[in-house]
PDB file of N, CA and C in Angstrom:
ATOM      1  N   MET A   1      60.180  43.460 103.272  1.00  0.00           N
ATOM      2  CA  MET A   1      60.231  42.235 102.510  1.00  0.00           C
ATOM      3  C   MET A   1      58.954  42.145 101.670  1.00  0.00           C
ATOM      4  N   ARG A   2      59.080  41.722 100.447  1.00  0.00           N
ATOM      5  CA  ARG A   2      57.933  41.560  99.553  1.00  0.00           C
ATOM      6  C   ARG A   2      57.673  40.078  99.359  1.00  0.00           C
ATOM      7  N   ASP A   3      56.420  39.641  99.561  1.00  0.00           N
ATOM      8  CA  ASP A   3      56.095  38.229  99.380  1.00  0.00           C
ATOM      9  C   ASP A   3      55.754  37.949  97.917  1.00  0.00           C
ATOM     10  N   GLU A   4      55.452  36.695  97.622  1.00  0.00           N
ATOM     11  CA  GLU A   4      55.192  36.295  96.229  1.00  0.00           C
ATOM     12  C   GLU A   4      53.943  36.945  95.639  1.00  0.00           C
ATOM     13  N   ASP A   5      53.023  37.439  96.491  1.00  0.00           N
ATOM     14  CA  ASP A   5      51.826  38.138  96.017  1.00  0.00           C
ATOM     15  C   ASP A   5      52.037  39.643  95.881  1.00  0.00           C
ATOM     16  N   GLY A   6      53.241  40.116  96.231  1.00  0.00           N
ATOM     17  CA  GLY A   6      53.547  41.535  96.107  1.00  0.00           C
ATOM     18  C   GLY A   6      53.269  42.365  97.353  1.00  0.00           C
ATOM     19  N   TYR A   7      52.841  41.705  98.432  1.00  0.00           N
ATOM     20  CA  TYR A   7      52.579  42.440  99.680  1.00  0.00           C
ATOM     21  C   TYR A   7      53.884  42.705 100.419  1.00  0.00           C
ATOM     22  N   LEU A   8      53.980  43.899 101.007  1.00  0.00           N
ATOM     23  CA  LEU A   8      55.170  44.290 101.750  1.00  0.00           C
ATOM     24  C   LEU A   8      54.969  44.042 103.236  1.00  0.00           C
ATOM     25  N   THR A   9      56.022  43.594 103.889  1.00  0.00           N
ATOM     26  CA  THR A   9      56.016  43.378 105.325  1.00  0.00           C
ATOM     27  C   THR A   9      57.219  44.094 105.915  1.00  0.00           C
ATOM     28  N   CYS A  10      56.981  44.930 106.923  1.00  0.00           N
ATOM     29  CA  CYS A  10      58.059  45.629 107.610  1.00  0.00           C
ATOM     30  C   CYS A  10      58.676  44.688 108.629  1.00  0.00           C
ATOM     31  N   LEU A  11      59.992  44.477 108.532  1.00  0.00           N
ATOM     32  CA  LEU A  11      60.664  43.564 109.438  1.00  0.00           C
ATOM     33  C   LEU A  11      61.243  44.273 110.658  1.00  0.00           C
ATOM     34  N   GLY A  12      61.362  45.592 110.605  1.00  0.00           N
ATOM     35  CA  GLY A  12      61.879  46.355 111.733  1.00  0.00           C
ATOM     36  C   GLY A  12      60.756  47.084 112.428  1.00  0.00           C
ATOM     37  N   PRO A  13      61.075  47.699 113.564  1.00  0.00           N
ATOM     38  CA  PRO A  13      60.044  48.466 114.266  1.00  0.00           C
ATOM     39  C   PRO A  13      59.513  49.596 113.393  1.00  0.00           C
ATOM     40  N   GLU A  14      58.200  49.728 113.326  1.00  0.00           N
ATOM     41  CA  GLU A  14      57.607  50.759 112.480  1.00  0.00           C
ATOM     42  C   GLU A  14      57.996  52.154 112.917  1.00  0.00           C
ATOM     43  N   SER A  15      58.261  52.344 114.214  1.00  0.00           N
ATOM     44  CA  SER A  15      58.623  53.671 114.690  1.00  0.00           C
ATOM     45  C   SER A  15      59.976  54.117 114.149  1.00  0.00           C
ATOM     46  N   ASP A  16      60.764  53.188 113.606  1.00  0.00           N
ATOM     47  CA  ASP A  16      62.062  53.532 113.044  1.00  0.00           C
ATOM     48  C   ASP A  16      61.965  54.017 111.607  1.00  0.00           C
ATOM     49  N   LEU A  17      60.834  53.796 110.961  1.00  0.00           N
ATOM     50  CA  LEU A  17      60.681  54.223 109.576  1.00  0.00           C
ATOM     51  C   LEU A  17      60.678  55.740 109.483  1.00  0.00           C
ATOM     52  N   LEU A  18      61.252  56.253 108.391  1.00  0.00           N
ATOM     53  CA  LEU A  18      61.297  57.688 108.134  1.00  0.00           C
ATOM     54  C   LEU A  18      60.344  58.014 107.002  1.00  0.00           C
ATOM     55  N   ARG A  19      59.769  59.179 107.044  1.00  0.00           N
ATOM     56  CA  ARG A  19      58.945  59.637 105.929  1.00  0.00           C
ATOM     57  C   ARG A  19      59.748  60.706 105.199  1.00  0.00           C
ATOM     58  N   ALA A  20      60.616  60.277 104.308  1.00  0.00           N
ATOM     59  CA  ALA A  20      61.513  61.160 103.574  1.00  0.00           C
ATOM     60  C   ALA A  20      60.995  61.354 102.155  1.00  0.00           C
ATOM     61  N   GLY A  21      60.806  62.585 101.774  1.00  0.00           N
ATOM     62  CA  GLY A  21      60.302  62.860 100.425  1.00  0.00           C
ATOM     63  C   GLY A  21      58.908  62.321 100.214  1.00  0.00           C
ATOM     64  N   GLY A  22      58.129  62.206 101.299  1.00  0.00           N
ATOM     65  CA  GLY A  22      56.765  61.707 101.204  1.00  0.00           C
ATOM     66  C   GLY A  22      56.672  60.199 101.048  1.00  0.00           C
ATOM     67  N   ILE A  23      57.800  59.516 101.186  1.00  0.00           N
ATOM     68  CA  ILE A  23      57.842  58.069 101.009  1.00  0.00           C
ATOM     69  C   ILE A  23      58.433  57.446 102.257  1.00  0.00           C
ATOM     70  N   TRP A  24      57.856  56.348 102.714  1.00  0.00           N
ATOM     71  CA  TRP A  24      58.383  55.654 103.887  1.00  0.00           C
ATOM     72  C   TRP A  24      59.709  54.994 103.529  1.00  0.00           C
ATOM     73  N   VAL A  25      60.710  55.226 104.374  1.00  0.00           N
ATOM     74  CA  VAL A  25      62.065  54.719 104.135  1.00  0.00           C
ATOM     75  C   VAL A  25      62.546  53.991 105.387  1.00  0.00           C
ATOM     76  N   SER A  26      63.128  52.832 105.205  1.00  0.00           N
ATOM     77  CA  SER A  26      63.736  52.102 106.312  1.00  0.00           C
ATOM     78  C   SER A  26      65.167  52.607 106.501  1.00  0.00           C
ATOM     79  N   PRO A  27      65.545  52.960 107.720  1.00  0.00           N
ATOM     80  CA  PRO A  27      66.906  53.447 107.946  1.00  0.00           C
ATOM     81  C   PRO A  27      67.967  52.384 107.681  1.00  0.00           C
ATOM     82  N   THR A  28      67.587  51.127 107.717  1.00  0.00           N
ATOM     83  CA  THR A  28      68.575  50.066 107.505  1.00  0.00           C
ATOM     84  C   THR A  28      69.156  50.089 106.094  1.00  0.00           C
ATOM     85  N   GLU A  29      68.425  50.643 105.135  1.00  0.00           N
ATOM     86  CA  GLU A  29      68.978  50.740 103.777  1.00  0.00           C
ATOM     87  C   GLU A  29      70.199  51.649 103.756  1.00  0.00           C
ATOM     88  N   GLY A  30      70.081  52.812 104.383  1.00  0.00           N
ATOM     89  CA  GLY A  30      71.212  53.738 104.450  1.00  0.00           C
ATOM     90  C   GLY A  30      72.335  53.187 105.296  1.00  0.00           C
ATOM     91  N   GLU A  31      71.984  52.542 106.397  1.00  0.00           N
ATOM     92  CA  GLU A  31      72.999  51.961 107.275  1.00  0.00           C
ATOM     93  C   GLU A  31      73.784  50.873 106.555  1.00  0.00           C
ATOM     94  N   SER A  32      73.097  50.040 105.816  1.00  0.00           N
ATOM     95  CA  SER A  32      73.775  48.961 105.078  1.00  0.00           C
ATOM     96  C   SER A  32      74.751  49.521 104.061  1.00  0.00           C
ATOM     97  N   ARG A  33      74.321  50.559 103.372  1.00  0.00           N
ATOM     98  CA  ARG A  33      75.205  51.179 102.375  1.00  0.00           C
ATOM     99  C   ARG A  33      76.412  51.820 103.052  1.00  0.00           C
ATOM    100  N   LEU A  34      76.196  52.522 104.157  1.00  0.00           N
ATOM    101  CA  LEU A  34      77.311  53.151 104.868  1.00  0.00           C
ATOM    102  C   LEU A  34      78.312  52.109 105.354  1.00  0.00           C
ATOM    103  N   LEU A  35      77.827  50.970 105.818  1.00  0.00           N
ATOM    104  CA  LEU A  35      78.717  49.929 106.330  1.00  0.00           C
ATOM    105  C   LEU A  35      79.554  49.284 105.236  1.00  0.00           C
ATOM    106  N   GLU A  36      79.192  49.483 103.983  1.00  0.00           N
ATOM    107  CA  GLU A  36      80.005  48.989 102.875  1.00  0.00           C
ATOM    108  C   GLU A  36      81.237  49.864 102.648  1.00  0.00           C
ATOM    109  N   HIS A  37      81.232  51.093 103.186  1.00  0.00           N
ATOM    110  CA  HIS A  37      82.379  51.996 103.031  1.00  0.00           C
ATOM    111  C   HIS A  37      83.526  51.496 103.910  1.00  0.00           C
ATOM    112  N   PRO A  38      84.744  51.445 103.378  1.00  0.00           N
ATOM    113  CA  PRO A  38      85.858  50.890 104.144  1.00  0.00           C
ATOM    114  C   PRO A  38      86.207  51.666 105.423  1.00  0.00           C
ATOM    115  N   ALA A  39      85.845  52.939 105.522  1.00  0.00           N
ATOM    116  CA  ALA A  39      86.182  53.733 106.698  1.00  0.00           C
ATOM    117  C   ALA A  39      85.123  53.654 107.797  1.00  0.00           C
ATOM    118  N   VAL A  40      83.952  53.097 107.493  1.00  0.00           N
ATOM    119  CA  VAL A  40      82.846  53.095 108.453  1.00  0.00           C
ATOM    120  C   VAL A  40      82.813  51.787 109.235  1.00  0.00           C
ATOM    121  N   VAL A  41      82.807  51.911 110.576  1.00  0.00           N
ATOM    122  CA  VAL A  41      82.743  50.755 111.466  1.00  0.00           C
ATOM    123  C   VAL A  41      81.294  50.502 111.889  1.00  0.00           C
ATOM    124  N   GLU A  42      80.582  51.579 112.250  1.00  0.00           N
ATOM    125  CA  GLU A  42      79.192  51.483 112.680  1.00  0.00           C
ATOM    126  C   GLU A  42      78.426  52.655 112.092  1.00  0.00           C
ATOM    127  N   ALA A  43      77.120  52.458 111.911  1.00  0.00           N
ATOM    128  CA  ALA A  43      76.291  53.538 111.373  1.00  0.00           C
ATOM    129  C   ALA A  43      74.865  53.415 111.889  1.00  0.00           C
ATOM    130  N   ALA A  44      74.251  54.562 112.101  1.00  0.00           N
ATOM    131  CA  ALA A  44      72.834  54.631 112.455  1.00  0.00           C
ATOM    132  C   ALA A  44      72.227  55.752 111.633  1.00  0.00           C
ATOM    133  N   VAL A  45      71.082  55.510 111.054  1.00  0.00           N
ATOM    134  CA  VAL A  45      70.367  56.534 110.305  1.00  0.00           C
ATOM    135  C   VAL A  45      69.051  56.800 111.017  1.00  0.00           C
ATOM    136  N   VAL A  46      68.799  58.059 111.282  1.00  0.00           N
ATOM    137  CA  VAL A  46      67.567  58.485 111.940  1.00  0.00           C
ATOM    138  C   VAL A  46      67.019  59.698 111.200  1.00  0.00           C
ATOM    139  N   GLY A  47      65.771  60.030 111.476  1.00  0.00           N
ATOM    140  CA  GLY A  47      65.157  61.189 110.851  1.00  0.00           C
ATOM    141  C   GLY A  47      65.381  62.440 111.680  1.00  0.00           C
ATOM    142  N   ARG A  48      65.568  63.553 110.979  1.00  0.00           N
ATOM    143  CA  ARG A  48      65.699  64.859 111.629  1.00  0.00           C
ATOM    144  C   ARG A  48      64.969  65.870 110.761  1.00  0.00           C
ATOM    145  N   ASN A  49      64.200  66.730 111.392  1.00  0.00           N
ATOM    146  CA  ASN A  49      63.446  67.724 110.642  1.00  0.00           C
ATOM    147  C   ASN A  49      64.332  68.875 110.200  1.00  0.00           C
ATOM    148  N   ASP A  50      64.123  69.312 108.956  1.00  0.00           N
ATOM    149  CA  ASP A  50      64.849  70.478 108.459  1.00  0.00           C
ATOM    150  C   ASP A  50      64.090  71.747 108.879  1.00  0.00           C
ATOM    151  N   ASP A  51      64.498  72.894 108.361  1.00  0.00           N
ATOM    152  CA  ASP A  51      63.867  74.159 108.734  1.00  0.00           C
ATOM    153  C   ASP A  51      62.390  74.216 108.351  1.00  0.00           C
ATOM    154  N   ASP A  52      61.982  73.460 107.345  1.00  0.00           N
ATOM    155  CA  ASP A  52      60.582  73.421 106.908  1.00  0.00           C
ATOM    156  C   ASP A  52      59.812  72.279 107.572  1.00  0.00           C
ATOM    157  N   TRP A  53      60.400  71.633 108.572  1.00  0.00           N
ATOM    158  CA  TRP A  53      59.806  70.524 109.305  1.00  0.00           C
ATOM    159  C   TRP A  53      59.568  69.291 108.432  1.00  0.00           C
ATOM    160  N   LEU A  54      60.387  69.138 107.407  1.00  0.00           N
ATOM    161  CA  LEU A  54      60.349  67.933 106.584  1.00  0.00           C
ATOM    162  C   LEU A  54      61.416  66.989 107.122  1.00  0.00           C
ATOM    163  N   GLU A  55      61.044  65.737 107.317  1.00  0.00           N
ATOM    164  CA  GLU A  55      61.983  64.771 107.876  1.00  0.00           C
ATOM    165  C   GLU A  55      63.000  64.343 106.824  1.00  0.00           C
ATOM    166  N   LYS A  56      64.266  64.387 107.206  1.00  0.00           N
ATOM    167  CA  LYS A  56      65.361  63.988 106.320  1.00  0.00           C
ATOM    168  C   LYS A  56      66.215  62.950 107.044  1.00  0.00           C
ATOM    169  N   PRO A  57      66.756  61.975 106.311  1.00  0.00           N
ATOM    170  CA  PRO A  57      67.640  61.000 106.942  1.00  0.00           C
ATOM    171  C   PRO A  57      68.989  61.628 107.285  1.00  0.00           C
ATOM    172  N   VAL A  58      69.463  61.355 108.489  1.00  0.00           N
ATOM    173  CA  VAL A  58      70.772  61.823 108.944  1.00  0.00           C
ATOM    174  C   VAL A  58      71.533  60.598 109.442  1.00  0.00           C
ATOM    175  N   ALA A  59      72.797  60.508 109.061  1.00  0.00           N
ATOM    176  CA  ALA A  59      73.634  59.379 109.478  1.00  0.00           C
ATOM    177  C   ALA A  59      74.521  59.792 110.647  1.00  0.00           C
ATOM    178  N   VAL A  60      74.612  58.931 111.620  1.00  0.00           N
ATOM    179  CA  VAL A  60      75.565  59.081 112.714  1.00  0.00           C
ATOM    180  C   VAL A  60      76.509  57.897 112.570  1.00  0.00           C
ATOM    181  N   VAL A  61      77.795  58.190 112.366  1.00  0.00           N
ATOM    182  CA  VAL A  61      78.737  57.121 112.022  1.00  0.00           C
ATOM    183  C   VAL A  61      79.954  57.113 112.936  1.00  0.00           C
ATOM    184  N   VAL A  62      80.497  55.923 113.081  1.00  0.00           N
ATOM    185  CA  VAL A  62      81.768  55.700 113.753  1.00  0.00           C
ATOM    186  C   VAL A  62      82.723  55.234 112.665  1.00  0.00           C
ATOM    187  N   ILE A  63      83.865  55.904 112.560  1.00  0.00           N
ATOM    188  CA  ILE A  63      84.818  55.508 111.525  1.00  0.00           C
ATOM    189  C   ILE A  63      86.016  54.796 112.146  1.00  0.00           C
ATOM    190  N   THR A  64      86.722  54.072 111.318  1.00  0.00           N
ATOM    191  CA  THR A  64      87.907  53.340 111.722  1.00  0.00           C
ATOM    192  C   THR A  64      88.954  54.309 112.251  1.00  0.00           C
ATOM    193  N   ALA A  65      89.640  53.921 113.323  1.00  0.00           N
ATOM    194  CA  ALA A  65      90.703  54.755 113.879  1.00  0.00           C
ATOM    195  C   ALA A  65      91.748  55.057 112.800  1.00  0.00           C
ATOM    196  N   GLY A  66      92.072  56.315 112.664  1.00  0.00           N
ATOM    197  CA  GLY A  66      93.063  56.739 111.677  1.00  0.00           C
ATOM    198  C   GLY A  66      92.504  57.005 110.292  1.00  0.00           C
ATOM    199  N   ALA A  67      91.266  56.641 110.053  1.00  0.00           N
ATOM    200  CA  ALA A  67      90.662  56.873 108.739  1.00  0.00           C
ATOM    201  C   ALA A  67      90.241  58.336 108.616  1.00  0.00           C
ATOM    202  N   THR A  68      90.267  58.824 107.406  1.00  0.00           N
ATOM    203  CA  THR A  68      89.786  60.180 107.152  1.00  0.00           C
ATOM    204  C   THR A  68      88.761  60.113 106.025  1.00  0.00           C
ATOM    205  N   VAL A  69      87.577  60.555 106.345  1.00  0.00           N
ATOM    206  CA  VAL A  69      86.502  60.631 105.364  1.00  0.00           C
ATOM    207  C   VAL A  69      85.601  61.780 105.795  1.00  0.00           C
ATOM    208  N   SER A  70      85.086  62.502 104.840  1.00  0.00           N
ATOM    209  CA  SER A  70      84.228  63.638 105.169  1.00  0.00           C
ATOM    210  C   SER A  70      82.757  63.234 105.102  1.00  0.00           C
ATOM    211  N   GLY A  71      81.932  64.031 105.746  1.00  0.00           N
ATOM    212  CA  GLY A  71      80.492  63.812 105.687  1.00  0.00           C
ATOM    213  C   GLY A  71      79.966  63.844 104.268  1.00  0.00           C
ATOM    214  N   PRO A  72      80.312  64.898 103.490  1.00  0.00           N
ATOM    215  CA  PRO A  72      79.842  64.940 102.101  1.00  0.00           C
ATOM    216  C   PRO A  72      80.293  63.734 101.272  1.00  0.00           C
ATOM    217  N   ALA A  73      81.488  63.206 101.553  1.00  0.00           N
ATOM    218  CA  ALA A  73      81.963  62.025 100.812  1.00  0.00           C
ATOM    219  C   ALA A  73      81.097  60.808 101.132  1.00  0.00           C
ATOM    220  N   LEU A  74      80.702  60.663 102.396  1.00  0.00           N
ATOM    221  CA  LEU A  74      79.832  59.541 102.765  1.00  0.00           C
ATOM    222  C   LEU A  74      78.447  59.687 102.152  1.00  0.00           C
ATOM    223  N   ILE A  75      77.950  60.903 102.073  1.00  0.00           N
ATOM    224  CA  ILE A  75      76.646  61.138 101.449  1.00  0.00           C
ATOM    225  C   ILE A  75      76.698  60.763  99.971  1.00  0.00           C
ATOM    226  N   MET A  76      77.753  61.181  99.294  1.00  0.00           N
ATOM    227  CA  MET A  76      77.898  60.833  97.873  1.00  0.00           C
ATOM    228  C   MET A  76      78.062  59.320  97.705  1.00  0.00           C
ATOM    229  N   TRP A  77      78.744  58.680  98.632  1.00  0.00           N
ATOM    230  CA  TRP A  77      78.895  57.217  98.616  1.00  0.00           C
ATOM    231  C   TRP A  77      77.516  56.564  98.641  1.00  0.00           C
ATOM    232  N   CYS A  78      76.664  57.040  99.529  1.00  0.00           N
ATOM    233  CA  CYS A  78      75.316  56.474  99.643  1.00  0.00           C
ATOM    234  C   CYS A  78      74.497  56.721  98.383  1.00  0.00           C
ATOM    235  N   ARG A  79      74.631  57.903  97.814  1.00  0.00           N
ATOM    236  CA  ARG A  79      73.865  58.240  96.609  1.00  0.00           C
ATOM    237  C   ARG A  79      74.308  57.418  95.406  1.00  0.00           C
ATOM    238  N   GLY A  80      75.465  56.772  95.524  1.00  0.00           N
ATOM    239  CA  GLY A  80      75.938  55.922  94.435  1.00  0.00           C
ATOM    240  C   GLY A  80      75.047  54.721  94.191  1.00  0.00           C
ATOM    241  N   SER A  81      74.314  54.285  95.219  1.00  0.00           N
ATOM    242  CA  SER A  81      73.463  53.113  95.011  1.00  0.00           C
ATOM    243  C   SER A  81      72.080  53.230  95.642  1.00  0.00           C
ATOM    244  N   LEU A  82      71.788  54.357  96.285  1.00  0.00           N
ATOM    245  CA  LEU A  82      70.465  54.562  96.880  1.00  0.00           C
ATOM    246  C   LEU A  82      69.731  55.681  96.148  1.00  0.00           C
ATOM    247  N   ALA A  83      68.422  55.615  96.170  1.00  0.00           N
ATOM    248  CA  ALA A  83      67.633  56.723  95.648  1.00  0.00           C
ATOM    249  C   ALA A  83      67.953  57.969  96.471  1.00  0.00           C
ATOM    250  N   HIS A  84      67.876  59.133  95.854  1.00  0.00           N
ATOM    251  CA  HIS A  84      68.246  60.392  96.504  1.00  0.00           C
ATOM    252  C   HIS A  84      67.528  60.577  97.834  1.00  0.00           C
ATOM    253  N   PHE A  85      66.243  60.287  97.892  1.00  0.00           N
ATOM    254  CA  PHE A  85      65.483  60.525  99.117  1.00  0.00           C
ATOM    255  C   PHE A  85      65.838  59.536 100.224  1.00  0.00           C
ATOM    256  N   LYS A  86      66.471  58.410  99.886  1.00  0.00           N
ATOM    257  CA  LYS A  86      66.859  57.421 100.889  1.00  0.00           C
ATOM    258  C   LYS A  86      68.240  57.698 101.476  1.00  0.00           C
ATOM    259  N   ALA A  87      69.064  58.418 100.748  1.00  0.00           N
ATOM    260  CA  ALA A  87      70.430  58.690 101.195  1.00  0.00           C
ATOM    261  C   ALA A  87      70.434  59.736 102.301  1.00  0.00           C
ATOM    262  N   PRO A  88      71.315  59.574 103.292  1.00  0.00           N
ATOM    263  CA  PRO A  88      71.413  60.593 104.341  1.00  0.00           C
ATOM    264  C   PRO A  88      71.747  61.952 103.739  1.00  0.00           C
ATOM    265  N   ARG A  89      71.221  62.994 104.330  1.00  0.00           N
ATOM    266  CA  ARG A  89      71.497  64.358 103.886  1.00  0.00           C
ATOM    267  C   ARG A  89      72.638  64.980 104.663  1.00  0.00           C
ATOM    268  N   GLN A  90      73.026  64.308 105.749  1.00  0.00           N
ATOM    269  CA  GLN A  90      74.100  64.801 106.586  1.00  0.00           C
ATOM    270  C   GLN A  90      74.723  63.604 107.283  1.00  0.00           C
ATOM    271  N   ALA A  91      76.024  63.685 107.539  1.00  0.00           N
ATOM    272  CA  ALA A  91      76.722  62.652 108.299  1.00  0.00           C
ATOM    273  C   ALA A  91      77.388  63.310 109.495  1.00  0.00           C
ATOM    274  N   ILE A  92      77.113  62.780 110.662  1.00  0.00           N
ATOM    275  CA  ILE A  92      77.693  63.278 111.901  1.00  0.00           C
ATOM    276  C   ILE A  92      78.561  62.163 112.465  1.00  0.00           C
ATOM    277  N   PHE A  93      79.749  62.528 112.916  1.00  0.00           N
ATOM    278  CA  PHE A  93      80.699  61.538 113.412  1.00  0.00           C
ATOM    279  C   PHE A  93      80.670  61.486 114.939  1.00  0.00           C
ATOM    280  N   THR A  94      80.814  60.277 115.471  1.00  0.00           N
ATOM    281  CA  THR A  94      80.857  60.060 116.906  1.00  0.00           C
ATOM    282  C   THR A  94      81.838  58.938 117.208  1.00  0.00           C
ATOM    283  N   ASP A  95      82.239  58.852 118.472  1.00  0.00           N
ATOM    284  CA  ASP A  95      83.182  57.802 118.871  1.00  0.00           C
ATOM    285  C   ASP A  95      82.511  56.456 119.075  1.00  0.00           C
ATOM    286  N   GLU A  96      81.233  56.483 119.486  1.00  0.00           N
ATOM    287  CA  GLU A  96      80.490  55.241 119.665  1.00  0.00           C
ATOM    288  C   GLU A  96      78.997  55.515 119.587  1.00  0.00           C
ATOM    289  N   LEU A  97      78.261  54.488 119.205  1.00  0.00           N
ATOM    290  CA  LEU A  97      76.809  54.572 119.152  1.00  0.00           C
ATOM    291  C   LEU A  97      76.233  53.961 120.431  1.00  0.00           C
ATOM    292  N   PRO A  98      75.129  54.521 120.928  1.00  0.00           N
ATOM    293  CA  PRO A  98      74.524  53.961 122.136  1.00  0.00           C
ATOM    294  C   PRO A  98      73.907  52.593 121.865  1.00  0.00           C
ATOM    295  N   LYS A  99      74.204  51.650 122.764  1.00  0.00           N
ATOM    296  CA  LYS A  99      73.703  50.284 122.591  1.00  0.00           C
ATOM    297  C   LYS A  99      73.226  49.731 123.925  1.00  0.00           C
ATOM    298  N   THR A 100      72.410  48.706 123.833  1.00  0.00           N
ATOM    299  CA  THR A 100      71.965  47.983 125.019  1.00  0.00           C
ATOM    300  C   THR A 100      73.095  47.065 125.475  1.00  0.00           C
ATOM    301  N   PRO A 101      72.969  46.432 126.650  1.00  0.00           N
ATOM    302  CA  PRO A 101      74.000  45.470 127.084  1.00  0.00           C
ATOM    303  C   PRO A 101      74.191  44.310 126.108  1.00  0.00           C
ATOM    304  N   THR A 102      73.175  44.028 125.292  1.00  0.00           N
ATOM    305  CA  THR A 102      73.303  42.955 124.300  1.00  0.00           C
ATOM    306  C   THR A 102      73.782  43.480 122.950  1.00  0.00           C
ATOM    307  N   ARG A 103      74.260  44.729 122.926  1.00  0.00           N
ATOM    308  CA  ARG A 103      74.879  45.364 121.747  1.00  0.00           C
ATOM    309  C   ARG A 103      73.876  45.767 120.665  1.00  0.00           C
ATOM    310  N   LYS A 104      72.591  45.855 121.001  1.00  0.00           N
ATOM    311  CA  LYS A 104      71.589  46.318 120.044  1.00  0.00           C
ATOM    312  C   LYS A 104      71.571  47.843 120.041  1.00  0.00           C
ATOM    313  N   LEU A 105      71.494  48.423 118.861  1.00  0.00           N
ATOM    314  CA  LEU A 105      71.475  49.880 118.716  1.00  0.00           C
ATOM    315  C   LEU A 105      70.260  50.471 119.408  1.00  0.00           C
ATOM    316  N   GLN A 106      70.478  51.527 120.177  1.00  0.00           N
ATOM    317  CA  GLN A 106      69.390  52.250 120.814  1.00  0.00           C
ATOM    318  C   GLN A 106      69.094  53.504 119.977  1.00  0.00           C
ATOM    319  N   ARG A 107      68.266  53.299 118.966  1.00  0.00           N
ATOM    320  CA  ARG A 107      67.983  54.363 118.003  1.00  0.00           C
ATOM    321  C   ARG A 107      67.355  55.588 118.667  1.00  0.00           C
ATOM    322  N   PHE A 108      66.553  55.386 119.709  1.00  0.00           N
ATOM    323  CA  PHE A 108      65.933  56.526 120.383  1.00  0.00           C
ATOM    324  C   PHE A 108      66.990  57.408 121.046  1.00  0.00           C
ATOM    325  N   LYS A 109      68.095  56.809 121.490  1.00  0.00           N
ATOM    326  CA  LYS A 109      69.180  57.603 122.065  1.00  0.00           C
ATOM    327  C   LYS A 109      69.960  58.345 120.983  1.00  0.00           C
ATOM    328  N   VAL A 110      70.051  57.770 119.809  1.00  0.00           N
ATOM    329  CA  VAL A 110      70.693  58.460 118.690  1.00  0.00           C
ATOM    330  C   VAL A 110      69.862  59.697 118.339  1.00  0.00           C
ATOM    331  N   ARG A 111      68.533  59.546 118.322  1.00  0.00           N
ATOM    332  CA  ARG A 111      67.659  60.693 118.063  1.00  0.00           C
ATOM    333  C   ARG A 111      67.844  61.780 119.117  1.00  0.00           C
ATOM    334  N   SER A 112      67.930  61.367 120.389  1.00  0.00           N
ATOM    335  CA  SER A 112      68.136  62.326 121.478  1.00  0.00           C
ATOM    336  C   SER A 112      69.485  63.020 121.344  1.00  0.00           C
ATOM    337  N   LEU A 113      70.503  62.276 120.939  1.00  0.00           N
ATOM    338  CA  LEU A 113      71.823  62.853 120.725  1.00  0.00           C
ATOM    339  C   LEU A 113      71.763  63.941 119.663  1.00  0.00           C
ATOM    340  N   LEU A 114      71.066  63.665 118.572  1.00  0.00           N
ATOM    341  CA  LEU A 114      70.934  64.662 117.512  1.00  0.00           C
ATOM    342  C   LEU A 114      70.137  65.879 117.976  1.00  0.00           C
ATOM    343  N   ALA A 115      69.089  65.635 118.737  1.00  0.00           N
ATOM    344  CA  ALA A 115      68.254  66.743 119.206  1.00  0.00           C
ATOM    345  C   ALA A 115      69.032  67.666 120.137  1.00  0.00           C
ATOM    346  N   ALA A 116      69.984  67.101 120.881  1.00  0.00           N
ATOM    347  CA  ALA A 116      70.747  67.889 121.841  1.00  0.00           C
ATOM    348  C   ALA A 116      72.006  68.507 121.228  1.00  0.00           C
ATOM    349  N   THR A 117      72.299  68.162 119.997  1.00  0.00           N
ATOM    350  CA  THR A 117      73.529  68.608 119.356  1.00  0.00           C
ATOM    351  C   THR A 117      73.252  69.755 118.399  1.00  0.00           C
ATOM    352  N   TYR A 118      73.985  70.835 118.586  1.00  0.00           N
ATOM    353  CA  TYR A 118      73.910  71.942 117.617  1.00  0.00           C
ATOM    354  C   TYR A 118      74.700  71.528 116.394  1.00  0.00           C
ATOM    355  N   TYR A 119      74.205  71.863 115.240  1.00  0.00           N
ATOM    356  CA  TYR A 119      74.922  71.543 114.020  1.00  0.00           C
ATOM    357  C   TYR A 119      74.633  72.617 112.976  1.00  0.00           C
ATOM    358  N   GLU A 120      75.527  72.701 112.031  1.00  0.00           N
ATOM    359  CA  GLU A 120      75.321  73.631 110.927  1.00  0.00           C
ATOM    360  C   GLU A 120      74.377  72.978 109.930  1.00  0.00           C
ATOM    361  N   GLU A 121      73.361  73.706 109.541  1.00  0.00           N
ATOM    362  CA  GLU A 121      72.343  73.166 108.627  1.00  0.00           C
ATOM    363  C   GLU A 121      72.970  72.953 107.251  1.00  0.00           C
ATOM    364  N   VAL A 122      72.956  71.708 106.786  1.00  0.00           N
ATOM    365  CA  VAL A 122      73.541  71.402 105.478  1.00  0.00           C
ATOM    366  C   VAL A 122      72.583  70.601 104.602  1.00  0.00           C
ATOM    367  N   PHE A 123      71.319  70.564 104.975  1.00  0.00           N
ATOM    368  CA  PHE A 123      70.354  69.850 104.150  1.00  0.00           C
ATOM    369  C   PHE A 123      70.261  70.538 102.787  1.00  0.00           C
ATOM    370  N   ASP A 124      70.140  69.739 101.755  1.00  0.00           N
ATOM    371  CA  ASP A 124      69.959  70.339 100.429  1.00  0.00           C
ATOM    372  C   ASP A 124      68.493  70.287 100.050  1.00  0.00           C
ATOM    373  N   ALA A 125      68.129  71.072  99.059  1.00  0.00           N
ATOM    374  CA  ALA A 125      66.724  71.186  98.653  1.00  0.00           C
ATOM    375  C   ALA A 125      66.247  69.989  97.890  1.00  0.00           C
TER     376      ALA A 125
END
């Protein structure tokens, strides 16, 4: 959030911020854009290091039952209104996102899920 004097205030936990393209990025920007897609029910964006150890945003999404959408289509959807470095570089599909009993997203568990999951490298340069 930017105040009237131009100072920025982070409203989310600082540990959730990503350093993508050398710029601090809030994952909620990508999540908000993904949730605007008609096939997406839930979304979480977390950072994942590429082969060069550069952090890139990755989306983990839950889609509507019966919907068909590809990862690349969701990435292009995000790039339609987000800066390139803010858009997820990969979309991974899951049946549900880990949450607390009060339904709050457990982002650290999403990170652990990604770390434990083998995937084909599809980050672009």
